[in-house]
Amino acid sequence: MNLQKGDRAIDGTLGLGGHTMDMIEAVGPKGHVYSFDQDLEHLEIAKQRIVEKFGKDGLKSVTLIHANFVDMAEKMKELKVAEVNGILFDLGLALPHLTRAERGFSFQQEGPLDMRMSRELSDLTAADIVNTYSEKDLADIIFEFGEERLSRKIAHMIVECRLKERITTTKQLEDLVFHAYPPQLRHGKSHPATKTFQALRIAVNHELDVLENVLPQAVSLLALRGRLVAISYHSLEDRIVKHFLRSQTKDCICPPEVMRCECRTKPVLEVLTKSPVLPTDEETRENPRSRSAKMRVAEKL
């Protein structure tokens, strides 16, 4: 992010506060960090960790914002912040989402089929989708957001099973998807339910829509030479980030007969990562969840 003392920065994905604390350190007491998270519990944990590391004075250097990052432009306007020097999006799940059974994100343990990033800001759960959407809509979600080639078969089995009883737990869905796979494909590198769970999580939280909507807001908020950093964990997110950054590096493409075009005439961003930055072998050993991470960085021109 290339943050300097006195800079202002945004952490669009606070989680438990690891990146935010690094930013606080980078910008110093004269700088400021604005950190977004939908989950009230994460905000409280991050606040406690900041106090533990910096003392209560550390809270003077950060504003914790309970909101989805898609509301970034609106919230920064309310705070009367016109521009910042760096913005980070770490699009992975926070550890409590994966380890706490009651959040319903993981099929590794029994829990309610929830998957909401914020139980305060959203009503739609994965159980609602699984039990009420049509077979076609379920197949489309699982195929589009999970890139699951057996989406039709899985959707058909979901609809058949829910006629007998409502599907309410992670283990019910995991078992159902497992048996939708042919026996010879059930014990591959990843669990058969992985892609279906990813698809439902994306659908519940509208993850791809909010990412597409926030990227232009982020560019507008960046100061000259400010940097946008995005870390994604699956191809759908990475594709959105890559295509957006690429679109911001192009000159005007209007045909010659358009005398007064309203598009920009110069590139807005310079992409600093020609290929995404991947975790090293050492990082992957220390943190296995980082193995699928891809980081892309661009600078405002």
Foldseek 3Di string as FASTA:
>chain_A
DPAAALFEEEEQDCQQNPVVLVVCVHNDLNYAYEYEAQAPVSLVNNQVVQCVVPNPSSVSRYHYYNDHLLCVLVVCVVVVQQAGQEYEYEPDDHPCCAPPQQNQLDLPDKYWQALDSHPVPADDGLLCCLQPPDLVVQLCLLCVQLVDPLSSLLSVQSHVVVVVPRDTISNSSLVSQLVSDDPVPCDDPDHSCVSSSRSSNCVRHVVLVSLLSNPVVNLSRHDAFGKYKYKDQDDSSVVSVVVVQVVQQDADPDDPVPPDDPDHGHRFKDKPPPFWDADDPVVCVVPVSRRRITMTMITTD
